[in-house]
């Protein structure tokens, strides 16, 4: 059996939420061990479109909701971290776009003018024209309107790599996880036979939290998943586009982000309404056909004759909500030494870390004496979906 370890905080699940939390704890002097059973960021994180939402899309049909208010400060916090003067030093993380856009086809443009002038989004949205338009929309045949959001889009693989650097020697590849008990109380975890004692244990494994809770003999907090069926398209004629295309409903008709492939081509990653209910029910070939038709209608000038297509299913894991609605904030439940949570969105990883740090402070948990960890087996960094699906 491997030798026992002791740490201040033991984290299970190294997506962006777990990695961000780990880096924040390190910066505040806590010792940590971060366990990952697969690859770093290989669950929801690397499948994310990388949009750091500020909430504007949630205000499409009225005043700002709780979700909009909760998320409104996230772009600022991420920008400061990317500049190296925030709560983390994320210098070196690739910024794909300084802004995300809302784009309305010509038929909808008139209906949206009053919305964009409303108090709900004033100061958060600016109309752009001509050379300010995203490259993919700079075509004479484009007749819609485009609004620039004060939201950014990051390259998630480079974010995962930077957060892994900030983790130091505390990353651990671990598969078999069991509770470590003392007098029937949870005091740590046994990971591949190695005992790890901790003042606090945090589960941040996304969809994996459900299995971990079952292993610990717990049924709460309950989890829900909201599936997506995303579409990937790669081609030599694609130009950068980071935008929600607005339809008539409360959700974007289609959300396009653009990602670099290793061969220098661009990959469009398609989400929004097309990836939700009806898209989830479609088989891959039908989902691709639907995306081809949608892009043909919205962007007929884009040459897709040499494009490669693939689909990707994503399970967004969240705390259970009535009616499977989307949670407004990051979530954290506390039970003695165990903290269980979900960030609910990539952009809310700082909010998730805030909640854990507030819990530690409230319970009087402070950094223990500095200890040097032995060399541990390290998890690899996840490949992007386009590297796996679009060679």
Protein backbone atom coordinates (compact mmCIF):
# COMPACT_ATOMS: atom_id res chain seq x y z
CA UNK A 1 0.00 0.00 0.00
CA UNK A 2 1.28 3.49 -0.82
CA UNK A 3 2.26 5.80 2.03
CA UNK A 4 -0.40 8.06 3.54
CA UNK A 5 -0.57 11.77 2.73
CA UNK A 6 -2.02 14.69 4.61
CA UNK A 7 -3.22 17.90 2.98
CA UNK A 8 -5.42 20.87 3.80
CA UNK A 9 -7.88 20.41 0.93
CA UNK A 10 -8.38 17.31 -1.21
CA UNK A 11 -10.17 18.06 -4.51
CA UNK A 12 -11.62 15.39 -6.80
CA UNK A 13 -12.27 16.44 -10.39
CA UNK A 14 -9.78 18.46 -12.44
CA UNK A 15 -11.94 20.32 -14.89
CA UNK A 16 -11.63 24.09 -14.99
CA UNK A 17 -13.63 24.42 -11.73
CA UNK A 18 -11.36 22.07 -9.78
CA UNK A 19 -8.19 23.48 -11.36
CA UNK A 20 -9.26 27.09 -10.70
CA UNK A 21 -10.15 26.31 -7.10
CA UNK A 22 -6.86 24.46 -6.64
CA UNK A 23 -4.89 27.47 -7.92
CA UNK A 24 -6.82 29.90 -5.70
CA UNK A 25 -6.17 27.72 -2.63
CA UNK A 26 -2.48 27.48 -3.47
CA UNK A 27 -2.26 31.24 -3.77
CA UNK A 28 -3.74 31.59 -0.29
CA UNK A 29 -1.22 29.20 1.23
CA UNK A 30 -3.29 26.01 1.47
CA UNK A 31 -1.76 22.66 0.63
CA UNK A 32 -3.85 20.70 -1.86
CA UNK A 33 -4.06 17.44 -3.74
CA UNK A 34 -6.19 17.46 -6.90
CA UNK A 35 -7.27 14.01 -8.11
CA UNK A 36 -8.35 13.29 -11.68
CA UNK A 37 -9.43 9.85 -12.93
CA UNK A 38 -9.14 10.63 -16.65
CA UNK A 39 -7.48 13.66 -18.29
CA UNK A 40 -7.29 17.26 -17.07
CA UNK A 41 -10.29 19.16 -18.40
CA UNK A 42 -11.46 16.11 -20.33
CA UNK A 43 -15.12 16.26 -19.28
CA UNK A 44 -17.29 19.31 -19.87
CA UNK A 45 -14.38 21.77 -19.79
CA UNK A 46 -12.62 20.95 -23.04
CA UNK A 47 -16.01 20.65 -24.78
CA UNK A 48 -16.95 24.19 -23.77
CA UNK A 49 -17.14 26.94 -26.38
CA UNK A 50 -14.97 29.15 -24.16
CA UNK A 51 -17.42 32.05 -23.87
CA UNK A 52 -17.04 34.07 -20.67
CA UNK A 53 -20.67 35.15 -20.42
CA UNK A 54 -21.64 38.43 -18.84
CA UNK A 55 -25.34 37.60 -18.89
CA UNK A 56 -26.59 39.66 -21.83
CA UNK A 57 -28.05 36.66 -23.66
CA UNK A 58 -30.15 35.88 -20.60
CA UNK A 59 -31.79 39.31 -20.84
CA UNK A 60 -33.17 38.74 -24.33
CA UNK A 61 -36.78 38.83 -23.22
CA UNK A 62 -37.06 41.38 -20.46
CA UNK A 63 -35.22 42.79 -17.47
CA UNK A 64 -32.04 41.24 -16.19
CA UNK A 65 -32.65 37.98 -14.35
CA UNK A 66 -30.86 36.60 -11.34
CA UNK A 67 -28.61 34.70 -13.75
CA UNK A 68 -27.61 37.90 -15.51
CA UNK A 69 -26.81 39.70 -12.29
CA UNK A 70 -24.85 36.77 -10.86
CA UNK A 71 -22.69 36.41 -13.94
CA UNK A 72 -22.30 40.09 -14.84
CA UNK A 73 -18.93 40.53 -13.10
CA UNK A 74 -17.31 37.43 -14.59
CA UNK A 75 -15.81 38.99 -17.75
CA UNK A 76 -13.98 41.61 -15.64
CA UNK A 77 -12.56 38.98 -13.30
CA UNK A 78 -11.40 36.80 -16.16
CA UNK A 79 -9.86 39.77 -18.01
CA UNK A 80 -7.87 40.75 -14.93
CA UNK A 81 -6.61 37.17 -14.53
CA UNK A 82 -5.66 36.98 -18.23
CA UNK A 83 -3.73 40.25 -17.81
CA UNK A 84 -1.86 38.78 -14.84
CA UNK A 85 -3.27 41.15 -12.22
CA UNK A 86 -6.35 39.23 -11.04
CA UNK A 87 -7.06 36.50 -8.51
CA UNK A 88 -4.94 34.14 -10.65
CA UNK A 89 -2.13 34.81 -13.12
CA UNK A 90 -3.44 33.48 -16.42
CA UNK A 91 -0.89 35.23 -18.64
CA UNK A 92 -0.17 33.06 -21.64
CA UNK A 93 -3.74 31.79 -21.98
CA UNK A 94 -4.85 32.41 -25.55
CA UNK A 95 -7.67 34.89 -26.01
CA UNK A 96 -9.65 33.89 -29.11
CA UNK A 97 -11.80 37.02 -29.21
CA UNK A 98 -11.99 40.23 -27.19
CA UNK A 99 -15.75 40.21 -27.66
CA UNK A 100 -18.68 37.95 -28.32
CA UNK A 101 -21.45 39.20 -30.59
CA UNK A 102 -25.21 39.07 -30.98
CA UNK A 103 -26.25 38.84 -34.60
CA UNK A 104 -29.80 39.22 -35.81
CA UNK A 105 -30.90 38.16 -39.30
CA UNK A 106 -32.58 40.91 -41.32
CA UNK A 107 -36.09 39.68 -40.52
CA UNK A 108 -35.55 40.13 -36.77
CA UNK A 109 -33.48 43.29 -36.72
CA UNK A 110 -36.42 45.69 -36.35
CA UNK A 111 -37.91 43.87 -33.40
CA UNK A 112 -34.65 44.00 -31.49
CA UNK A 113 -33.88 47.71 -31.79
CA UNK A 114 -35.97 48.68 -28.78
CA UNK A 115 -34.55 45.82 -26.73
CA UNK A 116 -30.97 46.92 -27.31
CA UNK A 117 -31.88 50.47 -26.39
CA UNK A 118 -33.51 49.34 -23.16
CA UNK A 119 -32.17 49.95 -19.69
CA UNK A 120 -31.62 46.20 -19.26
CA UNK A 121 -28.60 46.10 -21.57
CA UNK A 122 -27.58 49.75 -21.97
CA UNK A 123 -23.83 50.06 -21.68
CA UNK A 124 -23.32 46.34 -22.26
CA UNK A 125 -24.09 46.17 -25.98
CA UNK A 126 -22.89 48.30 -28.91
CA UNK A 127 -23.91 47.99 -32.54
CA UNK A 128 -21.05 47.40 -35.00
CA UNK A 129 -20.92 47.88 -38.78
CA UNK A 130 -18.57 47.58 -41.74
CA UNK A 131 -15.00 46.66 -40.86
CA UNK A 132 -15.98 46.24 -37.21
CA UNK A 133 -18.11 43.23 -38.13
CA UNK A 134 -16.75 39.74 -37.42
CA UNK A 135 -14.79 38.55 -40.49
CA UNK A 136 -17.34 35.87 -41.40
CA UNK A 137 -20.10 38.53 -41.62
CA UNK A 138 -18.17 41.02 -43.75
CA UNK A 139 -19.99 40.14 -46.95
CA UNK A 140 -22.21 42.45 -49.02
CA UNK A 141 -25.01 39.90 -48.79
CA UNK A 142 -25.19 40.17 -45.00
CA UNK A 143 -28.30 42.23 -44.17
CA UNK A 144 -28.70 41.76 -40.44
CA UNK A 145 -27.51 43.74 -37.46
CA UNK A 146 -24.62 42.90 -35.14
CA UNK A 147 -24.10 43.96 -31.54
CA UNK A 148 -20.82 43.66 -29.65
CA UNK A 149 -20.97 42.25 -26.13
CA UNK A 150 -18.38 43.03 -23.46
CA UNK A 151 -17.70 39.28 -23.19
CA UNK A 152 -14.60 37.41 -24.21
CA UNK A 153 -13.87 34.00 -25.71
CA UNK A 154 -10.88 32.02 -24.48
CA UNK A 155 -9.01 29.02 -25.81
CA UNK A 156 -9.96 26.40 -23.22
CA UNK A 157 -7.05 23.99 -23.94
CA UNK A 158 -4.51 26.75 -23.19
CA UNK A 159 -6.48 27.64 -20.04
CA UNK A 160 -6.34 24.04 -18.83
CA UNK A 161 -2.60 23.90 -19.54
CA UNK A 162 -1.96 27.12 -17.57
CA UNK A 163 -4.08 26.00 -14.60
CA UNK A 164 -2.16 22.71 -14.62
CA UNK A 165 1.08 24.70 -14.34
CA UNK A 166 -0.34 26.58 -11.36
CA UNK A 167 -1.17 23.26 -9.67
CA UNK A 168 2.47 22.58 -8.86
CA UNK A 169 3.17 19.07 -7.59
CA UNK A 170 -0.34 18.44 -6.25
CA UNK A 171 -1.92 16.76 -9.29
CA UNK A 172 -2.68 13.07 -8.87
CA UNK A 173 -3.95 10.56 -11.43
CA UNK A 174 -6.30 8.37 -9.41
CA UNK A 175 -8.98 5.89 -10.39
CA UNK A 176 -10.24 3.78 -7.46
CA UNK A 177 -11.62 6.16 -4.84
CA UNK A 178 -13.00 5.00 -1.48
CA UNK A 179 -13.98 6.82 1.70
CA UNK A 180 -11.41 7.04 4.49
CA UNK A 181 -13.23 6.86 7.83
CA UNK A 182 -12.29 7.39 11.46
CA UNK A 183 -15.03 6.52 14.00
CA UNK A 184 -17.54 6.49 11.12
CA UNK A 185 -16.54 10.05 10.17
CA UNK A 186 -15.12 10.93 6.75
CA UNK A 187 -11.53 12.15 7.24
CA UNK A 188 -10.18 11.72 3.72
CA UNK A 189 -10.17 9.40 0.73
CA UNK A 190 -8.27 6.29 -0.28
CA UNK A 191 -7.11 6.83 -3.86
CA UNK A 192 -5.70 3.73 -5.61
CA UNK A 193 -4.80 2.42 -2.17
CA UNK A 194 -3.10 5.61 -1.01
CA UNK A 195 -4.65 7.21 2.08
CA UNK A 196 -5.08 10.97 1.82
CA UNK A 197 -6.23 12.78 4.96
CA UNK A 198 -7.64 16.29 4.55
CA UNK A 199 -9.32 19.06 6.53
CA UNK A 200 -11.83 19.41 3.72
CA UNK A 201 -12.73 17.26 0.70
CA UNK A 202 -14.23 18.97 -2.38
CA UNK A 203 -16.02 17.08 -5.14
CA UNK A 204 -15.86 19.10 -8.36
CA UNK A 205 -16.06 16.26 -10.86
CA UNK A 206 -19.04 17.44 -12.91
CA UNK A 207 -21.07 14.43 -13.99
CA UNK A 208 -18.67 12.27 -11.99
CA UNK A 209 -19.98 13.73 -8.74
CA UNK A 210 -22.98 11.38 -8.83
CA UNK A 211 -20.76 8.27 -8.83
CA UNK A 212 -18.49 9.73 -6.15
CA UNK A 213 -21.46 10.49 -3.89
CA UNK A 214 -22.77 6.95 -4.35
CA UNK A 215 -19.32 5.61 -3.40
CA UNK A 216 -19.51 7.69 -0.22
CA UNK A 217 -22.99 6.33 0.53
CA UNK A 218 -24.71 9.66 -0.11
CA UNK A 219 -27.70 10.60 -2.28
CA UNK A 220 -27.56 14.37 -1.78
CA UNK A 221 -27.00 16.79 -3.34
CA UNK A 222 -28.89 15.37 -6.31
CA UNK A 223 -27.64 16.04 -9.82
CA UNK A 224 -29.28 16.74 -13.15
CA UNK A 225 -27.82 16.61 -16.63
CA UNK A 226 -28.88 18.74 -19.58
CA UNK A 227 -27.60 17.18 -22.81
CA UNK A 228 -26.32 18.93 -25.91
CA UNK A 229 -25.59 17.62 -29.40
CA UNK A 230 -22.97 20.04 -30.75
CA UNK A 231 -21.78 20.22 -34.36
CA UNK A 232 -18.16 20.71 -35.45
CA UNK A 233 -17.30 21.97 -38.93
CA UNK A 234 -13.77 22.48 -40.23
CA UNK A 235 -12.87 23.96 -43.59
CA UNK A 236 -10.35 26.10 -45.47
CA UNK A 237 -12.91 28.83 -46.22
CA UNK A 238 -14.05 29.43 -42.64
CA UNK A 239 -13.33 32.80 -41.05
CA UNK A 240 -13.52 33.69 -37.35
CA UNK A 241 -17.00 34.15 -35.92
CA UNK A 242 -17.94 34.38 -32.25
CA UNK A 243 -21.64 35.13 -32.08
CA UNK A 244 -25.11 34.17 -30.94
CA UNK A 245 -27.53 34.27 -33.87
CA UNK A 246 -30.85 35.38 -32.46
CA UNK A 247 -34.10 33.63 -33.30
CA UNK A 248 -37.60 34.32 -32.10
CA UNK A 249 -37.30 32.44 -28.81
CA UNK A 250 -35.51 33.02 -25.51
CA UNK A 251 -32.41 31.07 -26.59
CA UNK A 252 -29.96 31.87 -29.39
CA UNK A 253 -30.95 30.14 -32.62
CA UNK A 254 -27.31 29.11 -33.08
CA UNK A 255 -24.10 30.00 -31.24
CA UNK A 256 -20.88 29.89 -33.26
CA UNK A 257 -17.37 29.94 -31.82
CA UNK A 258 -14.18 29.45 -33.83
CA UNK A 259 -11.22 27.37 -32.70
CA UNK A 260 -7.74 26.76 -34.14
CA UNK A 261 -6.91 23.32 -35.49
CA UNK A 262 -3.34 22.00 -35.51
CA UNK A 263 -3.13 22.29 -39.33
CA UNK A 264 -3.89 26.03 -39.29
CA UNK A 265 -7.52 25.74 -40.36
CA UNK A 266 -10.42 27.04 -38.30
CA UNK A 267 -13.09 24.88 -36.71
CA UNK A 268 -16.57 26.25 -36.09
CA UNK A 269 -18.23 24.86 -33.00
CA UNK A 270 -22.04 25.14 -33.19
CA UNK A 271 -24.25 25.32 -30.13
CA UNK A 272 -27.38 27.21 -29.14
CA UNK A 273 -30.90 26.01 -29.85
CA UNK A 274 -29.75 23.73 -32.66
CA UNK A 275 -27.79 21.64 -30.11
CA UNK A 276 -30.61 21.40 -27.58
CA UNK A 277 -33.94 19.50 -27.47
CA UNK A 278 -34.52 18.59 -31.12
CA UNK A 279 -30.80 18.35 -31.81
CA UNK A 280 -30.29 15.95 -28.91
CA UNK A 281 -32.94 13.63 -30.36
CA UNK A 282 -31.32 13.52 -33.81
CA UNK A 283 -28.80 10.97 -34.98
CA UNK A 284 -25.43 12.49 -36.00
CA UNK A 285 -26.14 12.46 -39.76
CA UNK A 286 -29.48 14.22 -39.26
CA UNK A 287 -27.90 16.74 -36.88
CA UNK A 288 -25.18 17.54 -39.42
CA UNK A 289 -27.81 17.94 -42.15
CA UNK A 290 -29.74 20.33 -39.91
CA UNK A 291 -26.60 22.39 -39.25
CA UNK A 292 -25.76 22.49 -42.96
CA UNK A 293 -29.24 23.77 -43.73
CA UNK A 294 -29.09 26.37 -40.95
CA UNK A 295 -25.71 27.71 -42.04
CA UNK A 296 -26.88 27.71 -45.66
CA UNK A 297 -29.86 29.87 -44.71
CA UNK A 298 -27.97 32.23 -42.40
CA UNK A 299 -24.57 32.46 -44.13
CA UNK A 300 -25.14 31.47 -47.79
CA UNK A 301 -21.87 33.10 -48.91
CA UNK A 302 -19.72 30.74 -46.81
CA UNK A 303 -18.28 27.95 -49.00
CA UNK A 304 -18.76 24.69 -47.13
CA UNK A 305 -18.07 22.41 -50.11
CA UNK A 306 -14.76 21.19 -48.65
CA UNK A 307 -15.84 21.21 -45.02
CA UNK A 308 -15.49 18.26 -42.66
CA UNK A 309 -18.33 17.63 -40.22
CA UNK A 310 -18.73 15.83 -36.91
CA UNK A 311 -21.01 15.93 -33.90
CA UNK A 312 -20.25 15.82 -30.20
CA UNK A 313 -22.58 14.93 -27.36
CA UNK A 314 -22.09 16.83 -24.11
CA UNK A 315 -23.73 16.18 -20.74
CA UNK A 316 -23.89 19.39 -18.73
CA UNK A 317 -23.97 18.37 -15.06
CA UNK A 318 -25.62 20.63 -12.49
CA UNK A 319 -27.40 20.48 -9.14
CA UNK A 320 -30.97 19.25 -9.51
CA UNK A 321 -33.46 22.06 -10.17
CA UNK A 322 -37.24 21.94 -10.34
CA UNK A 323 -38.28 21.57 -13.95
CA UNK A 324 -34.64 20.93 -14.94
CA UNK A 325 -34.16 24.69 -15.19
CA UNK A 326 -30.66 26.16 -15.49
CA UNK A 327 -29.10 27.20 -12.15
CA UNK A 328 -28.30 30.89 -11.83
CA UNK A 329 -25.01 30.58 -9.94
CA UNK A 330 -22.27 28.18 -9.00
CA UNK A 331 -23.48 25.69 -6.41
CA UNK A 332 -21.89 24.30 -3.23
CA UNK A 333 -23.38 21.95 -0.63
CA UNK A 334 -21.61 21.32 2.70
CA UNK A 335 -21.76 18.24 4.93
CA UNK A 336 -19.10 18.15 7.66
CA UNK A 337 -15.74 17.81 5.90
CA UNK A 338 -17.31 17.19 2.50
CA UNK A 339 -18.09 20.00 0.02
CA UNK A 340 -19.86 19.10 -3.22
CA UNK A 341 -20.42 21.51 -6.06
CA UNK A 342 -20.84 22.40 -9.68
CA UNK A 343 -19.85 25.72 -11.31
CA UNK A 344 -22.81 25.25 -13.74
CA UNK A 345 -20.95 27.28 -16.41
CA UNK A 346 -17.30 27.71 -17.37
CA UNK A 347 -17.54 31.45 -16.70
CA UNK A 348 -18.62 30.80 -13.10
CA UNK A 349 -15.47 28.89 -12.04
CA UNK A 350 -14.34 31.94 -9.99
CA UNK A 351 -17.75 32.00 -8.26
CA UNK A 352 -17.38 28.32 -7.36
CA UNK A 353 -13.95 28.98 -5.84
CA UNK A 354 -15.37 31.95 -3.89
CA UNK A 355 -17.97 29.68 -2.31
CA UNK A 356 -15.40 27.11 -1.21
CA UNK A 357 -13.10 29.77 0.22
CA UNK A 358 -16.00 31.38 2.08
CA UNK A 359 -16.89 27.98 3.56
CA UNK A 360 -13.30 27.43 4.73
CA UNK A 361 -13.18 30.88 6.30
CA UNK A 362 -16.55 30.44 7.99
CA UNK A 363 -15.43 27.12 9.48
CA UNK A 364 -12.07 28.50 10.61
CA UNK A 365 -10.07 26.26 8.25
CA UNK A 366 -6.61 27.76 7.78
CA UNK A 367 -3.50 26.58 5.96
CA UNK A 368 -1.57 23.96 7.92
CA UNK A 369 2.22 23.60 8.06
CA UNK A 370 3.84 23.46 4.63
CA UNK A 371 4.53 19.88 3.55
CA UNK A 372 6.37 18.59 0.52
CA UNK A 373 4.47 16.00 -1.48
CA UNK A 374 6.18 12.93 -2.91
CA UNK A 375 6.29 12.54 -6.66
CA UNK A 376 2.78 11.51 -7.71
CA UNK A 377 1.50 9.96 -10.96
CA UNK A 378 0.15 12.83 -13.03
CA UNK A 379 -2.94 12.93 -15.27
CA UNK A 380 -2.50 13.95 -18.90
CA UNK A 381 -4.12 17.02 -20.46
CA UNK A 382 -7.24 16.37 -22.54
CA UNK A 383 -7.24 16.52 -26.32
CA UNK A 384 -9.73 18.89 -27.89
CA UNK A 385 -12.84 17.41 -29.54
CA UNK A 386 -11.76 18.68 -32.97
CA UNK A 387 -8.37 16.93 -32.66
CA UNK A 388 -10.18 13.69 -31.92
CA UNK A 389 -13.05 14.00 -34.39
CA UNK A 390 -11.69 16.08 -37.29
CA UNK A 391 -8.19 14.84 -38.20
